[in-house]
Amino acid sequence: MKNKNQKIKVGSGVETHYGSNIRICISVEDLPEEHTFEYNGNTYIKLNVKKLFTADKFGKTHIVTVDTWKPNGHNQGKKTNSPSDDGMPF
């Protein structure tokens, strides 16, 4: 089991002349249920895509991780669970 503060890496990518090529591999069944949510009968996962300061040893310039952020008592009420303009709850 992963440490709660440890990032759950699900992909990587490279910067090209034509843009960023990002590849991800996600198995919802393998993720802790606390990082997935249901909406209109579909299962969703929030992801973070970040550009690395320097390429890794494989030449990857981007990393994709599962967004594991959870609100705590200090910032409750600042973020609402209302749907965004596109109808999605995030």
PDB file of N, CA and C in Angstrom:
ATOM      1  N   MET A   1       0.842  -1.184   0.000  1.00  0.00           N
ATOM      2  CA  MET A   1       0.000   0.000   0.000  1.00  0.00           C
ATOM      3  C   MET A   1       0.884   1.242   0.000  1.00  0.00           C
ATOM      4  N   LYS A   2       0.484   2.236  -0.741  1.00  0.00           N
ATOM      5  CA  LYS A   2       1.271   3.450  -0.871  1.00  0.00           C
ATOM      6  C   LYS A   2       1.083   4.358   0.334  1.00  0.00           C
ATOM      7  N   ASN A   3       2.150   5.073   0.671  1.00  0.00           N
ATOM      8  CA  ASN A   3       2.088   6.105   1.687  1.00  0.00           C
ATOM      9  C   ASN A   3       1.112   7.180   1.216  1.00  0.00           C
ATOM     10  N   LYS A   4       0.309   7.747   2.119  1.00  0.00           N
ATOM     11  CA  LYS A   4      -0.694   8.741   1.728  1.00  0.00           C
ATOM     12  C   LYS A   4      -0.082   9.954   1.048  1.00  0.00           C
ATOM     13  N   ASN A   5       1.166  10.304   1.380  1.00  0.00           N
ATOM     14  CA  ASN A   5       1.819  11.456   0.774  1.00  0.00           C
ATOM     15  C   ASN A   5       2.553  11.106  -0.510  1.00  0.00           C
ATOM     16  N   GLN A   6       2.668   9.823  -0.832  1.00  0.00           N
ATOM     17  CA  GLN A   6       3.395   9.394  -2.014  1.00  0.00           C
ATOM     18  C   GLN A   6       2.524   9.593  -3.257  1.00  0.00           C
ATOM     19  N   LYS A   7       3.116  10.111  -4.320  1.00  0.00           N
ATOM     20  CA  LYS A   7       2.395  10.326  -5.563  1.00  0.00           C
ATOM     21  C   LYS A   7       2.121   8.987  -6.241  1.00  0.00           C
ATOM     22  N   ILE A   8       0.953   8.885  -6.857  1.00  0.00           N
ATOM     23  CA  ILE A   8       0.585   7.693  -7.604  1.00  0.00           C
ATOM     24  C   ILE A   8       0.801   8.018  -9.078  1.00  0.00           C
ATOM     25  N   LYS A   9       1.932   7.584  -9.628  1.00  0.00           N
ATOM     26  CA  LYS A   9       2.279   7.889 -11.016  1.00  0.00           C
ATOM     27  C   LYS A   9       1.478   6.989 -11.949  1.00  0.00           C
ATOM     28  N   VAL A  10       0.840   7.601 -12.950  1.00  0.00           N
ATOM     29  CA  VAL A  10       0.049   6.832 -13.911  1.00  0.00           C
ATOM     30  C   VAL A  10       0.463   7.107 -15.354  1.00  0.00           C
ATOM     31  N   GLY A  11       1.477   7.953 -15.547  1.00  0.00           N
ATOM     32  CA  GLY A  11       1.897   8.228 -16.915  1.00  0.00           C
ATOM     33  C   GLY A  11       3.043   9.202 -16.984  1.00  0.00           C
ATOM     34  N   SER A  12       3.474   9.458 -18.215  1.00  0.00           N
ATOM     35  CA  SER A  12       4.549  10.405 -18.471  1.00  0.00           C
ATOM     36  C   SER A  12       4.425  10.886 -19.902  1.00  0.00           C
ATOM     37  N   GLY A  13       5.286  11.805 -20.291  1.00  0.00           N
ATOM     38  CA  GLY A  13       5.219  12.326 -21.642  1.00  0.00           C
ATOM     39  C   GLY A  13       6.459  13.075 -22.021  1.00  0.00           C
ATOM     40  N   VAL A  14       6.481  13.509 -23.285  1.00  0.00           N
ATOM     41  CA  VAL A  14       7.606  14.261 -23.803  1.00  0.00           C
ATOM     42  C   VAL A  14       7.101  15.486 -24.547  1.00  0.00           C
ATOM     43  N   GLU A  15       7.900  16.539 -24.500  1.00  0.00           N
ATOM     44  CA  GLU A  15       7.625  17.760 -25.249  1.00  0.00           C
ATOM     45  C   GLU A  15       8.194  17.580 -26.650  1.00  0.00           C
ATOM     46  N   THR A  16       7.370  17.845 -27.668  1.00  0.00           N
ATOM     47  CA  THR A  16       7.831  17.750 -29.047  1.00  0.00           C
ATOM     48  C   THR A  16       7.606  19.085 -29.743  1.00  0.00           C
ATOM     49  N   HIS A  17       8.055  19.160 -30.954  1.00  0.00           N
ATOM     50  CA  HIS A  17       7.841  20.365 -31.761  1.00  0.00           C
ATOM     51  C   HIS A  17       6.347  20.622 -31.959  1.00  0.00           C
ATOM     52  N   TYR A  18       5.541  19.587 -31.938  1.00  0.00           N
ATOM     53  CA  TYR A  18       4.104  19.691 -32.195  1.00  0.00           C
ATOM     54  C   TYR A  18       3.260  19.767 -30.928  1.00  0.00           C
ATOM     55  N   GLY A  19       3.889  19.754 -29.771  1.00  0.00           N
ATOM     56  CA  GLY A  19       3.169  19.806 -28.504  1.00  0.00           C
ATOM     57  C   GLY A  19       3.664  18.726 -27.562  1.00  0.00           C
ATOM     58  N   SER A  20       2.896  18.473 -26.522  1.00  0.00           N
ATOM     59  CA  SER A  20       3.267  17.464 -25.527  1.00  0.00           C
ATOM     60  C   SER A  20       2.551  16.158 -25.838  1.00  0.00           C
ATOM     61  N   ASN A  21       3.287  15.070 -25.871  1.00  0.00           N
ATOM     62  CA  ASN A  21       2.712  13.744 -26.036  1.00  0.00           C
ATOM     63  C   ASN A  21       2.680  13.076 -24.671  1.00  0.00           C
ATOM     64  N   ILE A  22       1.480  12.884 -24.143  1.00  0.00           N
ATOM     65  CA  ILE A  22       1.307  12.324 -22.807  1.00  0.00           C
ATOM     66  C   ILE A  22       0.664  10.947 -22.932  1.00  0.00           C
ATOM     67  N   ARG A  23       1.209   9.964 -22.221  1.00  0.00           N
ATOM     68  CA  ARG A  23       0.652   8.619 -22.206  1.00  0.00           C
ATOM     69  C   ARG A  23       0.302   8.259 -20.769  1.00  0.00           C
ATOM     70  N   ILE A  24      -0.911   7.741 -20.600  1.00  0.00           N
ATOM     71  CA  ILE A  24      -1.333   7.324 -19.262  1.00  0.00           C
ATOM     72  C   ILE A  24      -1.868   5.908 -19.313  1.00  0.00           C
ATOM     73  N   CYS A  25      -1.789   5.241 -18.192  1.00  0.00           N
ATOM     74  CA  CYS A  25      -2.336   3.900 -18.033  1.00  0.00           C
ATOM     75  C   CYS A  25      -2.988   3.853 -16.658  1.00  0.00           C
ATOM     76  N   ILE A  26      -4.316   3.718 -16.655  1.00  0.00           N
ATOM     77  CA  ILE A  26      -5.050   3.734 -15.398  1.00  0.00           C
ATOM     78  C   ILE A  26      -5.953   2.514 -15.327  1.00  0.00           C
ATOM     79  N   SER A  27      -5.881   1.819 -14.228  1.00  0.00           N
ATOM     80  CA  SER A  27      -6.817   0.754 -13.917  1.00  0.00           C
ATOM     81  C   SER A  27      -7.559   1.184 -12.667  1.00  0.00           C
ATOM     82  N   VAL A  28      -8.809   1.589 -12.839  1.00  0.00           N
ATOM     83  CA  VAL A  28      -9.590   2.106 -11.715  1.00  0.00           C
ATOM     84  C   VAL A  28      -9.656   1.073 -10.592  1.00  0.00           C
ATOM     85  N   GLU A  29      -9.665  -0.183 -10.941  1.00  0.00           N
ATOM     86  CA  GLU A  29      -9.752  -1.235  -9.932  1.00  0.00           C
ATOM     87  C   GLU A  29      -8.515  -1.275  -9.032  1.00  0.00           C
ATOM     88  N   ASP A  30      -7.370  -0.816  -9.539  1.00  0.00           N
ATOM     89  CA  ASP A  30      -6.126  -0.842  -8.768  1.00  0.00           C
ATOM     90  C   ASP A  30      -5.934   0.387  -7.887  1.00  0.00           C
ATOM     91  N   LEU A  31      -6.738   1.439  -8.102  1.00  0.00           N
ATOM     92  CA  LEU A  31      -6.605   2.656  -7.301  1.00  0.00           C
ATOM     93  C   LEU A  31      -7.438   2.563  -6.036  1.00  0.00           C
ATOM     94  N   PRO A  32      -6.955   3.152  -4.945  1.00  0.00           N
ATOM     95  CA  PRO A  32      -7.791   3.206  -3.748  1.00  0.00           C
ATOM     96  C   PRO A  32      -9.089   3.950  -4.062  1.00  0.00           C
ATOM     97  N   GLU A  33     -10.185   3.467  -3.550  1.00  0.00           N
ATOM     98  CA  GLU A  33     -11.503   4.038  -3.839  1.00  0.00           C
ATOM     99  C   GLU A  33     -11.594   5.517  -3.467  1.00  0.00           C
ATOM    100  N   GLU A  34     -10.789   5.957  -2.505  1.00  0.00           N
ATOM    101  CA  GLU A  34     -10.828   7.352  -2.069  1.00  0.00           C
ATOM    102  C   GLU A  34     -10.359   8.322  -3.161  1.00  0.00           C
ATOM    103  N   HIS A  35      -9.705   7.819  -4.214  1.00  0.00           N
ATOM    104  CA  HIS A  35      -9.212   8.685  -5.289  1.00  0.00           C
ATOM    105  C   HIS A  35     -10.095   8.633  -6.537  1.00  0.00           C
ATOM    106  N   THR A  36     -11.218   7.939  -6.461  1.00  0.00           N
ATOM    107  CA  THR A  36     -12.160   7.890  -7.572  1.00  0.00           C
ATOM    108  C   THR A  36     -13.504   8.409  -7.092  1.00  0.00           C
ATOM    109  N   PHE A  37     -14.334   8.833  -8.033  1.00  0.00           N
ATOM    110  CA  PHE A  37     -15.686   9.233  -7.672  1.00  0.00           C
ATOM    111  C   PHE A  37     -16.631   8.929  -8.819  1.00  0.00           C
ATOM    112  N   GLU A  38     -17.884   8.744  -8.478  1.00  0.00           N
ATOM    113  CA  GLU A  38     -18.925   8.426  -9.453  1.00  0.00           C
ATOM    114  C   GLU A  38     -19.727   9.671  -9.769  1.00  0.00           C
ATOM    115  N   TYR A  39     -20.117   9.816 -11.041  1.00  0.00           N
ATOM    116  CA  TYR A  39     -20.984  10.905 -11.460  1.00  0.00           C
ATOM    117  C   TYR A  39     -21.745  10.436 -12.694  1.00  0.00           C
ATOM    118  N   ASN A  40     -23.054  10.468 -12.601  1.00  0.00           N
ATOM    119  CA  ASN A  40     -23.921  10.029 -13.696  1.00  0.00           C
ATOM    120  C   ASN A  40     -23.563   8.630 -14.192  1.00  0.00           C
ATOM    121  N   GLY A  41     -23.241   7.728 -13.278  1.00  0.00           N
ATOM    122  CA  GLY A  41     -22.959   6.341 -13.630  1.00  0.00           C
ATOM    123  C   GLY A  41     -21.564   6.079 -14.170  1.00  0.00           C
ATOM    124  N   ASN A  42     -20.716   7.099 -14.238  1.00  0.00           N
ATOM    125  CA  ASN A  42     -19.337   6.935 -14.702  1.00  0.00           C
ATOM    126  C   ASN A  42     -18.374   7.116 -13.543  1.00  0.00           C
ATOM    127  N   THR A  43     -17.218   6.462 -13.627  1.00  0.00           N
ATOM    128  CA  THR A  43     -16.177   6.600 -12.621  1.00  0.00           C
ATOM    129  C   THR A  43     -15.116   7.559 -13.143  1.00  0.00           C
ATOM    130  N   TYR A  44     -14.726   8.517 -12.314  1.00  0.00           N
ATOM    131  CA  TYR A  44     -13.758   9.532 -12.694  1.00  0.00           C
ATOM    132  C   TYR A  44     -12.566   9.532 -11.746  1.00  0.00           C
ATOM    133  N   ILE A  45     -11.443  10.012 -12.270  1.00  0.00           N
ATOM    134  CA  ILE A  45     -10.213  10.182 -11.510  1.00  0.00           C
ATOM    135  C   ILE A  45      -9.652  11.549 -11.885  1.00  0.00           C
ATOM    136  N   LYS A  46      -9.274  12.344 -10.902  1.00  0.00           N
ATOM    137  CA  LYS A  46      -8.627  13.623 -11.185  1.00  0.00           C
ATOM    138  C   LYS A  46      -7.131  13.374 -11.345  1.00  0.00           C
ATOM    139  N   LEU A  47      -6.545  13.957 -12.382  1.00  0.00           N
ATOM    140  CA  LEU A  47      -5.130  13.773 -12.668  1.00  0.00           C
ATOM    141  C   LEU A  47      -4.390  15.104 -12.629  1.00  0.00           C
ATOM    142  N   ASN A  48      -3.118  15.056 -12.288  1.00  0.00           N
ATOM    143  CA  ASN A  48      -2.221  16.214 -12.364  1.00  0.00           C
ATOM    144  C   ASN A  48      -1.190  15.927 -13.447  1.00  0.00           C
ATOM    145  N   VAL A  49      -1.031  16.841 -14.390  1.00  0.00           N
ATOM    146  CA  VAL A  49      -0.003  16.740 -15.420  1.00  0.00           C
ATOM    147  C   VAL A  49       0.974  17.873 -15.167  1.00  0.00           C
ATOM    148  N   LYS A  50       2.225  17.525 -14.911  1.00  0.00           N
ATOM    149  CA  LYS A  50       3.228  18.537 -14.582  1.00  0.00           C
ATOM    150  C   LYS A  50       4.443  18.389 -15.483  1.00  0.00           C
ATOM    151  N   LYS A  51       4.976  19.535 -15.887  1.00  0.00           N
ATOM    152  CA  LYS A  51       6.203  19.551 -16.667  1.00  0.00           C
ATOM    153  C   LYS A  51       7.378  19.491 -15.698  1.00  0.00           C
ATOM    154  N   LEU A  52       8.323  18.601 -15.974  1.00  0.00           N
ATOM    155  CA  LEU A  52       9.514  18.469 -15.137  1.00  0.00           C
ATOM    156  C   LEU A  52      10.509  19.584 -15.464  1.00  0.00           C
ATOM    157  N   PHE A  53      11.302  19.977 -14.496  1.00  0.00           N
ATOM    158  CA  PHE A  53      12.329  21.002 -14.724  1.00  0.00           C
ATOM    159  C   PHE A  53      13.372  20.511 -15.713  1.00  0.00           C
ATOM    160  N   THR A  54      13.748  19.247 -15.581  1.00  0.00           N
ATOM    161  CA  THR A  54      14.689  18.635 -16.517  1.00  0.00           C
ATOM    162  C   THR A  54      14.161  17.256 -16.886  1.00  0.00           C
ATOM    163  N   ALA A  55      14.498  16.806 -18.056  1.00  0.00           N
ATOM    164  CA  ALA A  55      14.065  15.483 -18.506  1.00  0.00           C
ATOM    165  C   ALA A  55      14.689  14.397 -17.631  1.00  0.00           C
ATOM    166  N   ASP A  56      13.945  13.303 -17.447  1.00  0.00           N
ATOM    167  CA  ASP A  56      14.487  12.196 -16.661  1.00  0.00           C
ATOM    168  C   ASP A  56      15.446  11.364 -17.526  1.00  0.00           C
ATOM    169  N   LYS A  57      15.942  10.268 -16.985  1.00  0.00           N
ATOM    170  CA  LYS A  57      16.943   9.472 -17.702  1.00  0.00           C
ATOM    171  C   LYS A  57      16.386   8.819 -18.968  1.00  0.00           C
ATOM    172  N   PHE A  58      15.040   8.793 -19.114  1.00  0.00           N
ATOM    173  CA  PHE A  58      14.417   8.233 -20.307  1.00  0.00           C
ATOM    174  C   PHE A  58      13.978   9.321 -21.287  1.00  0.00           C
ATOM    175  N   GLY A  59      14.291  10.577 -20.971  1.00  0.00           N
ATOM    176  CA  GLY A  59      13.936  11.682 -21.841  1.00  0.00           C
ATOM    177  C   GLY A  59      12.532  12.217 -21.623  1.00  0.00           C
ATOM    178  N   LYS A  60      11.836  11.745 -20.603  1.00  0.00           N
ATOM    179  CA  LYS A  60      10.469  12.197 -20.323  1.00  0.00           C
ATOM    180  C   LYS A  60      10.518  13.592 -19.709  1.00  0.00           C
ATOM    181  N   THR A  61       9.659  14.474 -20.203  1.00  0.00           N
ATOM    182  CA  THR A  61       9.637  15.858 -19.734  1.00  0.00           C
ATOM    183  C   THR A  61       8.396  16.174 -18.905  1.00  0.00           C
ATOM    184  N   HIS A  62       7.450  15.248 -18.832  1.00  0.00           N
ATOM    185  CA  HIS A  62       6.207  15.453 -18.095  1.00  0.00           C
ATOM    186  C   HIS A  62       5.904  14.218 -17.244  1.00  0.00           C
ATOM    187  N   ILE A  63       5.157  14.437 -16.177  1.00  0.00           N
ATOM    188  CA  ILE A  63       4.714  13.340 -15.315  1.00  0.00           C
ATOM    189  C   ILE A  63       3.217  13.497 -15.073  1.00  0.00           C
ATOM    190  N   VAL A  64       2.513  12.376 -15.014  1.00  0.00           N
ATOM    191  CA  VAL A  64       1.079  12.366 -14.737  1.00  0.00           C
ATOM    192  C   VAL A  64       0.863  11.582 -13.448  1.00  0.00           C
ATOM    193  N   THR A  65       0.199  12.213 -12.469  1.00  0.00           N
ATOM    194  CA  THR A  65      -0.092  11.562 -11.197  1.00  0.00           C
ATOM    195  C   THR A  65      -1.570  11.721 -10.865  1.00  0.00           C
ATOM    196  N   VAL A  66      -2.050  10.849  -9.996  1.00  0.00           N
ATOM    197  CA  VAL A  66      -3.423  10.947  -9.503  1.00  0.00           C
ATOM    198  C   VAL A  66      -3.488  12.098  -8.505  1.00  0.00           C
ATOM    199  N   ASP A  67      -4.516  12.933  -8.622  1.00  0.00           N
ATOM    200  CA  ASP A  67      -4.725  14.034  -7.677  1.00  0.00           C
ATOM    201  C   ASP A  67      -5.256  13.437  -6.380  1.00  0.00           C
ATOM    202  N   THR A  68      -4.432  13.402  -5.348  1.00  0.00           N
ATOM    203  CA  THR A  68      -4.812  12.798  -4.070  1.00  0.00           C
ATOM    204  C   THR A  68      -5.191  13.841  -3.029  1.00  0.00           C
ATOM    205  N   TRP A  69      -5.289  15.114  -3.434  1.00  0.00           N
ATOM    206  CA  TRP A  69      -5.617  16.188  -2.501  1.00  0.00           C
ATOM    207  C   TRP A  69      -7.012  15.992  -1.939  1.00  0.00           C
ATOM    208  N   LYS A  70      -7.124  16.134  -0.637  1.00  0.00           N
ATOM    209  CA  LYS A  70      -8.416  16.074   0.061  1.00  0.00           C
ATOM    210  C   LYS A  70      -8.526  17.308   0.943  1.00  0.00           C
ATOM    211  N   PRO A  71      -9.710  17.928   0.977  1.00  0.00           N
ATOM    212  CA  PRO A  71      -9.866  19.097   1.845  1.00  0.00           C
ATOM    213  C   PRO A  71      -9.760  18.692   3.310  1.00  0.00           C
ATOM    214  N   ASN A  72      -9.261  19.620   4.133  1.00  0.00           N
ATOM    215  CA  ASN A  72      -9.236  19.383   5.573  1.00  0.00           C
ATOM    216  C   ASN A  72     -10.100  20.441   6.243  1.00  0.00           C
ATOM    217  N   GLY A  73     -10.153  20.461   7.522  1.00  0.00           N
ATOM    218  CA  GLY A  73     -11.003  21.382   8.258  1.00  0.00           C
ATOM    219  C   GLY A  73     -10.689  22.843   8.039  1.00  0.00           C
ATOM    220  N   HIS A  74      -9.443  23.166   7.662  1.00  0.00           N
ATOM    221  CA  HIS A  74      -9.044  24.562   7.496  1.00  0.00           C
ATOM    222  C   HIS A  74      -9.624  25.201   6.248  1.00  0.00           C
ATOM    223  N   ASN A  75      -9.838  24.426   5.203  1.00  0.00           N
ATOM    224  CA  ASN A  75     -10.305  25.038   3.963  1.00  0.00           C
ATOM    225  C   ASN A  75     -11.673  24.523   3.524  1.00  0.00           C
ATOM    226  N   GLN A  76     -12.408  23.895   4.406  1.00  0.00           N
ATOM    227  CA  GLN A  76     -13.751  23.489   4.060  1.00  0.00           C
ATOM    228  C   GLN A  76     -14.618  24.722   3.909  1.00  0.00           C
ATOM    229  N   GLY A  77     -15.510  24.684   2.970  1.00  0.00           N
ATOM    230  CA  GLY A  77     -16.369  25.816   2.720  1.00  0.00           C
ATOM    231  C   GLY A  77     -15.832  26.733   1.642  1.00  0.00           C
ATOM    232  N   LYS A  78     -14.536  26.675   1.353  1.00  0.00           N
ATOM    233  CA  LYS A  78     -13.972  27.498   0.286  1.00  0.00           C
ATOM    234  C   LYS A  78     -14.222  26.875  -1.071  1.00  0.00           C
ATOM    235  N   LYS A  79     -14.280  25.557  -1.145  1.00  0.00           N
ATOM    236  CA  LYS A  79     -14.494  24.859  -2.399  1.00  0.00           C
ATOM    237  C   LYS A  79     -15.869  24.207  -2.347  1.00  0.00           C
ATOM    238  N   THR A  80     -16.638  24.392  -3.393  1.00  0.00           N
ATOM    239  CA  THR A  80     -17.968  23.800  -3.417  1.00  0.00           C
ATOM    240  C   THR A  80     -17.967  22.579  -4.310  1.00  0.00           C
ATOM    241  N   ASN A  81     -18.939  21.735  -4.142  1.00  0.00           N
ATOM    242  CA  ASN A  81     -19.083  20.555  -4.979  1.00  0.00           C
ATOM    243  C   ASN A  81     -20.077  20.803  -6.106  1.00  0.00           C
ATOM    244  N   SER A  82     -20.327  22.065  -6.422  1.00  0.00           N
ATOM    245  CA  SER A  82     -21.259  22.362  -7.498  1.00  0.00           C
ATOM    246  C   SER A  82     -20.632  22.038  -8.842  1.00  0.00           C
ATOM    247  N   PRO A  83     -21.446  21.601  -9.793  1.00  0.00           N
ATOM    248  CA  PRO A  83     -20.902  21.260 -11.121  1.00  0.00           C
ATOM    249  C   PRO A  83     -20.308  22.490 -11.799  1.00  0.00           C
ATOM    250  N   SER A  84     -19.293  22.256 -12.624  1.00  0.00           N
ATOM    251  CA  SER A  84     -18.690  23.334 -13.395  1.00  0.00           C
ATOM    252  C   SER A  84     -19.581  23.636 -14.596  1.00  0.00           C
ATOM    253  N   ASP A  85     -19.176  24.560 -15.434  1.00  0.00           N
ATOM    254  CA  ASP A  85     -19.980  24.977 -16.578  1.00  0.00           C
ATOM    255  C   ASP A  85     -20.302  23.824 -17.520  1.00  0.00           C
ATOM    256  N   ASP A  86     -19.445  22.807 -17.584  1.00  0.00           N
ATOM    257  CA  ASP A  86     -19.690  21.693 -18.499  1.00  0.00           C
ATOM    258  C   ASP A  86     -20.491  20.576 -17.850  1.00  0.00           C
ATOM    259  N   GLY A  87     -20.990  20.799 -16.628  1.00  0.00           N
ATOM    260  CA  GLY A  87     -21.813  19.809 -15.944  1.00  0.00           C
ATOM    261  C   GLY A  87     -21.034  18.807 -15.120  1.00  0.00           C
ATOM    262  N   MET A  88     -19.705  18.870 -15.173  1.00  0.00           N
ATOM    263  CA  MET A  88     -18.883  17.935 -14.408  1.00  0.00           C
ATOM    264  C   MET A  88     -18.700  18.494 -13.009  1.00  0.00           C
ATOM    265  N   PRO A  89     -18.599  17.630 -12.002  1.00  0.00           N
ATOM    266  CA  PRO A  89     -18.499  18.105 -10.620  1.00  0.00           C
ATOM    267  C   PRO A  89     -17.113  18.552 -10.223  1.00  0.00           C
ATOM    268  N   PHE A  90     -16.202  18.767 -11.154  1.00  0.00           N
ATOM    269  CA  PHE A  90     -14.854  19.215 -10.823  1.00  0.00           C
ATOM    270  C   PHE A  90     -14.406  20.286 -11.755  1.00  0.00           C
TER     271      PHE A  90
END
